[in-house]
PDB file of all heavy atoms in Angstrom:
ATOM      1  N   MET A   1     -38.732  68.929-105.471  1.00  0.00           N
ATOM      2  CA  MET A   1     -40.199  68.965-105.471  1.00  0.00           C
ATOM      3  C   MET A   1     -40.706  70.284-106.056  1.00  0.00           C
ATOM      4  O   MET A   1     -41.652  70.319-106.838  1.00  0.00           O
ATOM      5  CB  MET A   1     -40.724  68.790-104.054  1.00  0.00           C
ATOM      6  CG  MET A   1     -42.238  68.806-103.965  1.00  0.00           C
ATOM      7  SD  MET A   1     -42.822  68.521-102.275  1.00  0.00           S
ATOM      8  CE  MET A   1     -44.589  68.661-102.532  1.00  0.00           C
ATOM      9  N   LEU A   2     -40.055  71.407-105.686  1.00  0.00           N
ATOM     10  CA  LEU A   2     -40.486  72.697-106.199  1.00  0.00           C
ATOM     11  C   LEU A   2     -40.300  72.782-107.709  1.00  0.00           C
ATOM     12  O   LEU A   2     -41.127  73.361-108.415  1.00  0.00           O
ATOM     13  CB  LEU A   2     -39.715  73.818-105.507  1.00  0.00           C
ATOM     14  CG  LEU A   2     -40.030  74.029-104.023  1.00  0.00           C
ATOM     15  CD1 LEU A   2     -39.125  75.114-103.444  1.00  0.00           C
ATOM     16  CD2 LEU A   2     -41.494  74.411-103.822  1.00  0.00           C
ATOM     17  N   SER A   3     -39.203  72.186-108.206  1.00  0.00           N
ATOM     18  CA  SER A   3     -38.970  72.212-109.644  1.00  0.00           C
ATOM     19  C   SER A   3     -40.026  71.414-110.387  1.00  0.00           C
ATOM     20  O   SER A   3     -40.405  71.755-111.515  1.00  0.00           O
ATOM     21  CB  SER A   3     -37.576  71.670-109.957  1.00  0.00           C
ATOM     22  OG  SER A   3     -37.449  70.320-109.509  1.00  0.00           O
ATOM     23  N   GLU A   4     -40.533  70.354-109.757  1.00  0.00           N
ATOM     24  CA  GLU A   4     -41.570  69.541-110.384  1.00  0.00           C
ATOM     25  C   GLU A   4     -42.898  70.270-110.441  1.00  0.00           C
ATOM     26  O   GLU A   4     -43.699  70.076-111.346  1.00  0.00           O
ATOM     27  CB  GLU A   4     -41.718  68.229-109.619  1.00  0.00           C
ATOM     28  CG  GLU A   4     -40.504  67.314-109.719  1.00  0.00           C
ATOM     29  CD  GLU A   4     -40.662  66.073-108.874  1.00  0.00           C
ATOM     30  OE1 GLU A   4     -41.681  65.953-108.177  1.00  0.00           O
ATOM     31  OE2 GLU A   4     -39.762  65.216-108.907  1.00  0.00           O
ATOM     32  N   LEU A   5     -43.130  71.142-109.456  1.00  0.00           N
ATOM     33  CA  LEU A   5     -44.394  71.892-109.438  1.00  0.00           C
ATOM     34  C   LEU A   5     -44.440  72.930-110.552  1.00  0.00           C
ATOM     35  O   LEU A   5     -45.514  73.253-111.057  1.00  0.00           O
ATOM     36  CB  LEU A   5     -44.563  72.578-108.078  1.00  0.00           C
ATOM     37  CG  LEU A   5     -44.843  71.665-106.888  1.00  0.00           C
ATOM     38  CD1 LEU A   5     -44.849  72.474-105.593  1.00  0.00           C
ATOM     39  CD2 LEU A   5     -46.181  70.944-107.051  1.00  0.00           C
ATOM     40  N   GLY A   6     -43.287  73.472-110.901  1.00  0.00           N
ATOM     41  CA  GLY A   6     -43.242  74.463-111.970  1.00  0.00           C
ATOM     42  C   GLY A   6     -43.342  75.884-111.453  1.00  0.00           C
ATOM     43  O   GLY A   6     -43.849  76.140-110.363  1.00  0.00           O
ATOM     44  N   LYS A   7     -42.853  76.824-112.265  1.00  0.00           N
ATOM     45  CA  LYS A   7     -42.831  78.224-111.861  1.00  0.00           C
ATOM     46  C   LYS A   7     -44.222  78.779-111.620  1.00  0.00           C
ATOM     47  O   LYS A   7     -44.411  79.689-110.820  1.00  0.00           O
ATOM     48  CB  LYS A   7     -42.116  79.053-112.920  1.00  0.00           C
ATOM     49  CG  LYS A   7     -40.625  78.759-113.039  1.00  0.00           C
ATOM     50  CD  LYS A   7     -39.973  79.681-114.060  1.00  0.00           C
ATOM     51  CE  LYS A   7     -38.480  79.401-114.156  1.00  0.00           C
ATOM     52  NZ  LYS A   7     -37.823  80.290-115.148  1.00  0.00           N
ATOM     53  N   GLU A   8     -45.216  78.263-112.338  1.00  0.00           N
ATOM     54  CA  GLU A   8     -46.575  78.788-112.179  1.00  0.00           C
ATOM     55  C   GLU A   8     -47.158  78.491-110.806  1.00  0.00           C
ATOM     56  O   GLU A   8     -48.161  79.081-110.405  1.00  0.00           O
ATOM     57  CB  GLU A   8     -47.496  78.210-113.261  1.00  0.00           C
ATOM     58  CG  GLU A   8     -47.724  76.708-113.189  1.00  0.00           C
ATOM     59  CD  GLU A   8     -46.627  75.895-113.863  1.00  0.00           C
ATOM     60  OE1 GLU A   8     -45.630  76.512-114.301  1.00  0.00           O
ATOM     61  OE2 GLU A   8     -46.775  74.676-113.951  1.00  0.00           O
ATOM     62  N   SER A   9     -46.510  77.571-110.058  1.00  0.00           N
ATOM     63  CA  SER A   9     -46.996  77.233-108.717  1.00  0.00           C
ATOM     64  C   SER A   9     -46.540  78.254-107.672  1.00  0.00           C
ATOM     65  O   SER A   9     -47.094  78.289-106.576  1.00  0.00           O
ATOM     66  CB  SER A   9     -46.499  75.840-108.318  1.00  0.00           C
ATOM     67  OG  SER A   9     -46.979  74.858-109.222  1.00  0.00           O
ATOM     68  N   PHE A  10     -45.529  79.073-107.986  1.00  0.00           N
ATOM     69  CA  PHE A  10     -45.030  80.069-107.037  1.00  0.00           C
ATOM     70  C   PHE A  10     -45.975  81.256-106.959  1.00  0.00           C
ATOM     71  O   PHE A  10     -46.339  81.840-107.981  1.00  0.00           O
ATOM     72  CB  PHE A  10     -43.638  80.563-107.444  1.00  0.00           C
ATOM     73  CG  PHE A  10     -42.530  79.617-107.083  1.00  0.00           C
ATOM     74  CD1 PHE A  10     -42.032  78.739-108.012  1.00  0.00           C
ATOM     75  CD2 PHE A  10     -41.982  79.621-105.809  1.00  0.00           C
ATOM     76  CE1 PHE A  10     -40.997  77.867-107.690  1.00  0.00           C
ATOM     77  CE2 PHE A  10     -40.957  78.761-105.469  1.00  0.00           C
ATOM     78  CZ  PHE A  10     -40.467  77.881-106.413  1.00  0.00           C
ATOM     79  N   LEU A  11     -46.368  81.591-105.755  1.00  0.00           N
ATOM     80  CA  LEU A  11     -47.153  82.807-105.541  1.00  0.00           C
ATOM     81  C   LEU A  11     -46.240  83.970-105.184  1.00  0.00           C
ATOM     82  O   LEU A  11     -46.442  85.088-105.632  1.00  0.00           O
ATOM     83  CB  LEU A  11     -48.180  82.587-104.425  1.00  0.00           C
ATOM     84  CG  LEU A  11     -49.279  81.556-104.706  1.00  0.00           C
ATOM     85  CD1 LEU A  11     -50.196  81.412-103.503  1.00  0.00           C
ATOM     86  CD2 LEU A  11     -50.085  81.961-105.937  1.00  0.00           C
ATOM     87  N   TRP A  12     -45.223  83.701-104.354  1.00  0.00           N
ATOM     88  CA  TRP A  12     -44.251  84.729-103.993  1.00  0.00           C
ATOM     89  C   TRP A  12     -43.051  84.069-103.342  1.00  0.00           C
ATOM     90  O   TRP A  12     -43.113  82.920-102.923  1.00  0.00           O
ATOM     91  CB  TRP A  12     -44.859  85.793-103.066  1.00  0.00           C
ATOM     92  CG  TRP A  12     -45.605  85.276-101.858  1.00  0.00           C
ATOM     93  CD1 TRP A  12     -46.955  85.100-101.761  1.00  0.00           C
ATOM     94  CD2 TRP A  12     -45.062  84.906-100.587  1.00  0.00           C
ATOM     95  NE1 TRP A  12     -47.296  84.634-100.515  1.00  0.00           N
ATOM     96  CE2 TRP A  12     -46.163  84.508 -99.765  1.00  0.00           C
ATOM     97  CE3 TRP A  12     -43.784  84.872-100.049  1.00  0.00           C
ATOM     98  CZ2 TRP A  12     -45.990  84.078 -98.450  1.00  0.00           C
ATOM     99  CZ3 TRP A  12     -43.614  84.440 -98.737  1.00  0.00           C
ATOM    100  CH2 TRP A  12     -44.714  84.054 -97.959  1.00  0.00           C
ATOM    101  N   LYS A  13     -41.979  84.835-103.273  1.00  0.00           N
ATOM    102  CA  LYS A  13     -40.748  84.363-102.651  1.00  0.00           C
ATOM    103  C   LYS A  13     -40.034  85.561-102.050  1.00  0.00           C
ATOM    104  O   LYS A  13     -39.823  86.568-102.721  1.00  0.00           O
ATOM    105  CB  LYS A  13     -39.852  83.677-103.677  1.00  0.00           C
ATOM    106  CG  LYS A  13     -38.541  83.133-103.119  1.00  0.00           C
ATOM    107  CD  LYS A  13     -37.737  82.457-104.219  1.00  0.00           C
ATOM    108  CE  LYS A  13     -36.413  81.931-103.702  1.00  0.00           C
ATOM    109  NZ  LYS A  13     -35.615  81.277-104.783  1.00  0.00           N
ATOM    110  N   VAL A  14     -39.698  85.465-100.753  1.00  0.00           N
ATOM    111  CA  VAL A  14     -39.020  86.562-100.065  1.00  0.00           C
ATOM    112  C   VAL A  14     -37.892  85.987 -99.203  1.00  0.00           C
ATOM    113  O   VAL A  14     -37.964  84.832 -98.768  1.00  0.00           O
ATOM    114  CB  VAL A  14     -39.991  87.375 -99.171  1.00  0.00           C
ATOM    115  CG1 VAL A  14     -41.053  88.072-100.010  1.00  0.00           C
ATOM    116  CG2 VAL A  14     -40.633  86.477 -98.119  1.00  0.00           C
ATOM    117  N   PRO A  15     -36.847  86.768 -98.928  1.00  0.00           N
ATOM    118  CA  PRO A  15     -35.788  86.294 -98.021  1.00  0.00           C
ATOM    119  C   PRO A  15     -36.321  86.182 -96.607  1.00  0.00           C
ATOM    120  O   PRO A  15     -37.164  86.983 -96.175  1.00  0.00           O
ATOM    121  CB  PRO A  15     -34.716  87.384 -98.132  1.00  0.00           C
ATOM    122  CG  PRO A  15     -35.452  88.599 -98.588  1.00  0.00           C
ATOM    123  CD  PRO A  15     -36.552  88.103 -99.471  1.00  0.00           C
ATOM    124  N   SER A  16     -35.854  85.185 -95.879  1.00  0.00           N
ATOM    125  CA  SER A  16     -36.389  84.945 -94.535  1.00  0.00           C
ATOM    126  C   SER A  16     -35.334  84.916 -93.442  1.00  0.00           C
ATOM    127  O   SER A  16     -35.656  84.696 -92.278  1.00  0.00           O
ATOM    128  CB  SER A  16     -37.165  83.623 -94.510  1.00  0.00           C
ATOM    129  OG  SER A  16     -36.327  82.540 -94.866  1.00  0.00           O
ATOM    130  N   GLY A  17     -34.088  85.096 -93.761  1.00  0.00           N
ATOM    131  CA  GLY A  17     -33.053  85.089 -92.739  1.00  0.00           C
ATOM    132  C   GLY A  17     -32.595  83.693 -92.387  1.00  0.00           C
ATOM    133  O   GLY A  17     -33.071  82.692 -92.921  1.00  0.00           O
ATOM    134  N   SER A  18     -31.661  83.609 -91.442  1.00  0.00           N
ATOM    135  CA  SER A  18     -31.084  82.340 -91.019  1.00  0.00           C
ATOM    136  C   SER A  18     -31.927  81.708 -89.922  1.00  0.00           C
ATOM    137  O   SER A  18     -32.410  82.390 -89.019  1.00  0.00           O
ATOM    138  CB  SER A  18     -29.662  82.575 -90.509  1.00  0.00           C
ATOM    139  OG  SER A  18     -29.128  81.400 -89.936  1.00  0.00           O
ATOM    140  N   GLY A  19     -32.101  80.383 -89.992  1.00  0.00           N
ATOM    141  CA  GLY A  19     -32.868  79.693 -88.960  1.00  0.00           C
ATOM    142  C   GLY A  19     -33.356  78.343 -89.437  1.00  0.00           C
ATOM    143  O   GLY A  19     -33.308  78.033 -90.628  1.00  0.00           O
ATOM    144  N   HIS A  20     -33.836  77.544 -88.485  1.00  0.00           N
ATOM    145  CA  HIS A  20     -34.357  76.213 -88.800  1.00  0.00           C
ATOM    146  C   HIS A  20     -35.839  76.086 -88.456  1.00  0.00           C
ATOM    147  O   HIS A  20     -36.403  75.001 -88.537  1.00  0.00           O
ATOM    148  CB  HIS A  20     -33.577  75.142 -88.026  1.00  0.00           C
ATOM    149  CG  HIS A  20     -32.101  75.151 -88.299  1.00  0.00           C
ATOM    150  ND1 HIS A  20     -31.589  75.207 -89.574  1.00  0.00           N
ATOM    151  CD2 HIS A  20     -31.025  75.119 -87.464  1.00  0.00           C
ATOM    152  CE1 HIS A  20     -30.258  75.196 -89.515  1.00  0.00           C
ATOM    153  NE2 HIS A  20     -29.898  75.151 -88.251  1.00  0.00           N
ATOM    154  N   SER A  21     -36.467  77.150 -88.039  1.00  0.00           N
ATOM    155  CA  SER A  21     -37.869  77.074 -87.625  1.00  0.00           C
ATOM    156  C   SER A  21     -38.793  76.953 -88.830  1.00  0.00           C
ATOM    157  O   SER A  21     -38.412  77.259 -89.964  1.00  0.00           O
ATOM    158  CB  SER A  21     -38.246  78.311 -86.810  1.00  0.00           C
ATOM    159  OG  SER A  21     -38.196  79.472 -87.615  1.00  0.00           O
ATOM    160  N   SER A  22     -40.007  76.517 -88.566  1.00  0.00           N
ATOM    161  CA  SER A  22     -41.051  76.446 -89.587  1.00  0.00           C
ATOM    162  C   SER A  22     -42.026  77.600 -89.379  1.00  0.00           C
ATOM    163  O   SER A  22     -42.155  78.108 -88.265  1.00  0.00           O
ATOM    164  CB  SER A  22     -41.799  75.112 -89.498  1.00  0.00           C
ATOM    165  OG  SER A  22     -40.925  74.027 -89.732  1.00  0.00           O
ATOM    166  N   PRO A  23     -42.741  78.018 -90.421  1.00  0.00           N
ATOM    167  CA  PRO A  23     -43.712  79.097 -90.253  1.00  0.00           C
ATOM    168  C   PRO A  23     -44.977  78.610 -89.562  1.00  0.00           C
ATOM    169  O   PRO A  23     -45.357  77.448 -89.680  1.00  0.00           O
ATOM    170  CB  PRO A  23     -44.006  79.526 -91.692  1.00  0.00           C
ATOM    171  CG  PRO A  23     -43.710  78.319 -92.521  1.00  0.00           C
ATOM    172  CD  PRO A  23     -42.591  77.608 -91.832  1.00  0.00           C
ATOM    173  N   SER A  24     -45.619  79.516 -88.840  1.00  0.00           N
ATOM    174  CA  SER A  24     -46.945  79.282 -88.278  1.00  0.00           C
ATOM    175  C   SER A  24     -47.913  80.225 -88.974  1.00  0.00           C
ATOM    176  O   SER A  24     -47.573  81.382 -89.239  1.00  0.00           O
ATOM    177  CB  SER A  24     -46.967  79.531 -86.768  1.00  0.00           C
ATOM    178  OG  SER A  24     -46.237  78.545 -86.080  1.00  0.00           O
ATOM    179  N   ILE A  25     -49.117  79.745 -89.253  1.00  0.00           N
ATOM    180  CA  ILE A  25     -50.085  80.520 -90.027  1.00  0.00           C
ATOM    181  C   ILE A  25     -51.366  80.712 -89.241  1.00  0.00           C
ATOM    182  O   ILE A  25     -51.879  79.786 -88.629  1.00  0.00           O
ATOM    183  CB  ILE A  25     -50.392  79.828 -91.367  1.00  0.00           C
ATOM    184  CG1 ILE A  25     -49.120  79.744 -92.220  1.00  0.00           C
ATOM    185  CG2 ILE A  25     -51.484  80.572 -92.129  1.00  0.00           C
ATOM    186  CD1 ILE A  25     -49.294  78.957 -93.497  1.00  0.00           C
ATOM    187  N   ALA A  26     -51.874  81.930 -89.250  1.00  0.00           N
ATOM    188  CA  ALA A  26     -53.177  82.239 -88.663  1.00  0.00           C
ATOM    189  C   ALA A  26     -53.807  83.350 -89.480  1.00  0.00           C
ATOM    190  O   ALA A  26     -53.204  84.420 -89.653  1.00  0.00           O
ATOM    191  CB  ALA A  26     -53.038  82.662 -87.200  1.00  0.00           C
ATOM    192  N   GLY A  27     -55.007  83.114 -90.000  1.00  0.00           N
ATOM    193  CA  GLY A  27     -55.672  84.119 -90.810  1.00  0.00           C
ATOM    194  C   GLY A  27     -54.854  84.461 -92.037  1.00  0.00           C
ATOM    195  O   GLY A  27     -54.419  83.579 -92.778  1.00  0.00           O
ATOM    196  N   GLU A  28     -54.584  85.734 -92.245  1.00  0.00           N
ATOM    197  CA  GLU A  28     -53.839  86.181 -93.409  1.00  0.00           C
ATOM    198  C   GLU A  28     -52.361  86.410 -93.113  1.00  0.00           C
ATOM    199  O   GLU A  28     -51.656  87.016 -93.919  1.00  0.00           O
ATOM    200  CB  GLU A  28     -54.464  87.478 -93.944  1.00  0.00           C
ATOM    201  CG  GLU A  28     -55.872  87.303 -94.485  1.00  0.00           C
ATOM    202  CD  GLU A  28     -55.938  86.240 -95.578  1.00  0.00           C
ATOM    203  OE1 GLU A  28     -55.091  86.270 -96.495  1.00  0.00           O
ATOM    204  OE2 GLU A  28     -56.828  85.369 -95.504  1.00  0.00           O
ATOM    205  N   ALA A  29     -51.902  85.942 -91.958  1.00  0.00           N
ATOM    206  CA  ALA A  29     -50.515  86.185 -91.571  1.00  0.00           C
ATOM    207  C   ALA A  29     -49.728  84.887 -91.447  1.00  0.00           C
ATOM    208  O   ALA A  29     -50.271  83.835 -91.082  1.00  0.00           O
ATOM    209  CB  ALA A  29     -50.463  86.951 -90.258  1.00  0.00           C
ATOM    210  N   LEU A  30     -48.448  84.982 -91.737  1.00  0.00           N
ATOM    211  CA  LEU A  30     -47.504  83.881 -91.600  1.00  0.00           C
ATOM    212  C   LEU A  30     -46.378  84.369 -90.692  1.00  0.00           C
ATOM    213  O   LEU A  30     -45.767  85.399 -90.970  1.00  0.00           O
ATOM    214  CB  LEU A  30     -46.986  83.481 -92.978  1.00  0.00           C
ATOM    215  CG  LEU A  30     -46.017  82.322 -93.118  1.00  0.00           C
ATOM    216  CD1 LEU A  30     -46.145  81.724 -94.522  1.00  0.00           C
ATOM    217  CD2 LEU A  30     -44.571  82.770 -92.903  1.00  0.00           C
ATOM    218  N   PHE A  31     -46.098  83.632 -89.617  1.00  0.00           N
ATOM    219  CA  PHE A  31     -45.118  84.061 -88.617  1.00  0.00           C
ATOM    220  C   PHE A  31     -43.875  83.172 -88.693  1.00  0.00           C
ATOM    221  O   PHE A  31     -43.983  81.948 -88.774  1.00  0.00           O
ATOM    222  CB  PHE A  31     -45.713  83.998 -87.212  1.00  0.00           C
ATOM    223  CG  PHE A  31     -47.001  84.757 -87.080  1.00  0.00           C
ATOM    224  CD1 PHE A  31     -48.216  84.095 -87.115  1.00  0.00           C
ATOM    225  CD2 PHE A  31     -47.003  86.141 -86.935  1.00  0.00           C
ATOM    226  CE1 PHE A  31     -49.413  84.788 -87.004  1.00  0.00           C
ATOM    227  CE2 PHE A  31     -48.191  86.847 -86.817  1.00  0.00           C
ATOM    228  CZ  PHE A  31     -49.398  86.165 -86.858  1.00  0.00           C
ATOM    229  N   LEU A  32     -42.711  83.802 -88.617  1.00  0.00           N
ATOM    230  CA  LEU A  32     -41.465  83.054 -88.735  1.00  0.00           C
ATOM    231  C   LEU A  32     -40.379  83.721 -87.897  1.00  0.00           C
ATOM    232  O   LEU A  32     -40.313  84.948 -87.796  1.00  0.00           O
ATOM    233  CB  LEU A  32     -41.020  83.007 -90.200  1.00  0.00           C
ATOM    234  CG  LEU A  32     -39.830  82.104 -90.534  1.00  0.00           C
ATOM    235  CD1 LEU A  32     -40.191  80.645 -90.332  1.00  0.00           C
ATOM    236  CD2 LEU A  32     -39.383  82.335 -91.982  1.00  0.00           C
ATOM    237  N   SER A  33     -39.529  82.906 -87.295  1.00  0.00           N
ATOM    238  CA  SER A  33     -38.383  83.413 -86.542  1.00  0.00           C
ATOM    239  C   SER A  33     -37.112  83.210 -87.349  1.00  0.00           C
ATOM    240  O   SER A  33     -37.024  82.315 -88.195  1.00  0.00           O
ATOM    241  CB  SER A  33     -38.270  82.702 -85.187  1.00  0.00           C
ATOM    242  OG  SER A  33     -38.035  81.321 -85.373  1.00  0.00           O
ATOM    243  N   SER A  34     -36.099  84.036 -87.080  1.00  0.00           N
ATOM    244  CA  SER A  34     -34.812  83.902 -87.735  1.00  0.00           C
ATOM    245  C   SER A  34     -33.740  84.544 -86.856  1.00  0.00           C
ATOM    246  O   SER A  34     -34.050  85.118 -85.805  1.00  0.00           O
ATOM    247  CB  SER A  34     -34.825  84.557 -89.127  1.00  0.00           C
ATOM    248  OG  SER A  34     -35.142  85.930 -89.048  1.00  0.00           O
ATOM    249  N   ALA A  35     -32.490  84.431 -87.270  1.00  0.00           N
ATOM    250  CA  ALA A  35     -31.377  84.980 -86.492  1.00  0.00           C
ATOM    251  C   ALA A  35     -30.443  85.760 -87.400  1.00  0.00           C
ATOM    252  O   ALA A  35     -30.321  85.467 -88.593  1.00  0.00           O
ATOM    253  CB  ALA A  35     -30.621  83.865 -85.782  1.00  0.00           C
ATOM    254  N   GLU A  36     -29.785  86.761 -86.822  1.00  0.00           N
ATOM    255  CA  GLU A  36     -28.816  87.578 -87.539  1.00  0.00           C
ATOM    256  C   GLU A  36     -27.553  87.726 -86.703  1.00  0.00           C
ATOM    257  O   GLU A  36     -27.516  87.323 -85.545  1.00  0.00           O
ATOM    258  CB  GLU A  36     -29.401  88.969 -87.830  1.00  0.00           C
ATOM    259  CG  GLU A  36     -30.612  88.976 -88.734  1.00  0.00           C
ATOM    260  CD  GLU A  36     -31.209  90.364 -88.894  1.00  0.00           C
ATOM    261  OE1 GLU A  36     -30.894  91.255 -88.064  1.00  0.00           O
ATOM    262  OE2 GLU A  36     -32.006  90.554 -89.831  1.00  0.00           O
TER     263      GLU A  36
END
């Protein structure tokens, strides 16, 4: 799906660590859990 959207659709990409959780969003922040 991401390949179909094209590179111009990406705003940013950062490493997020290991985990299966989904992000939660409030205001200008995105919250995510991970494990090390």
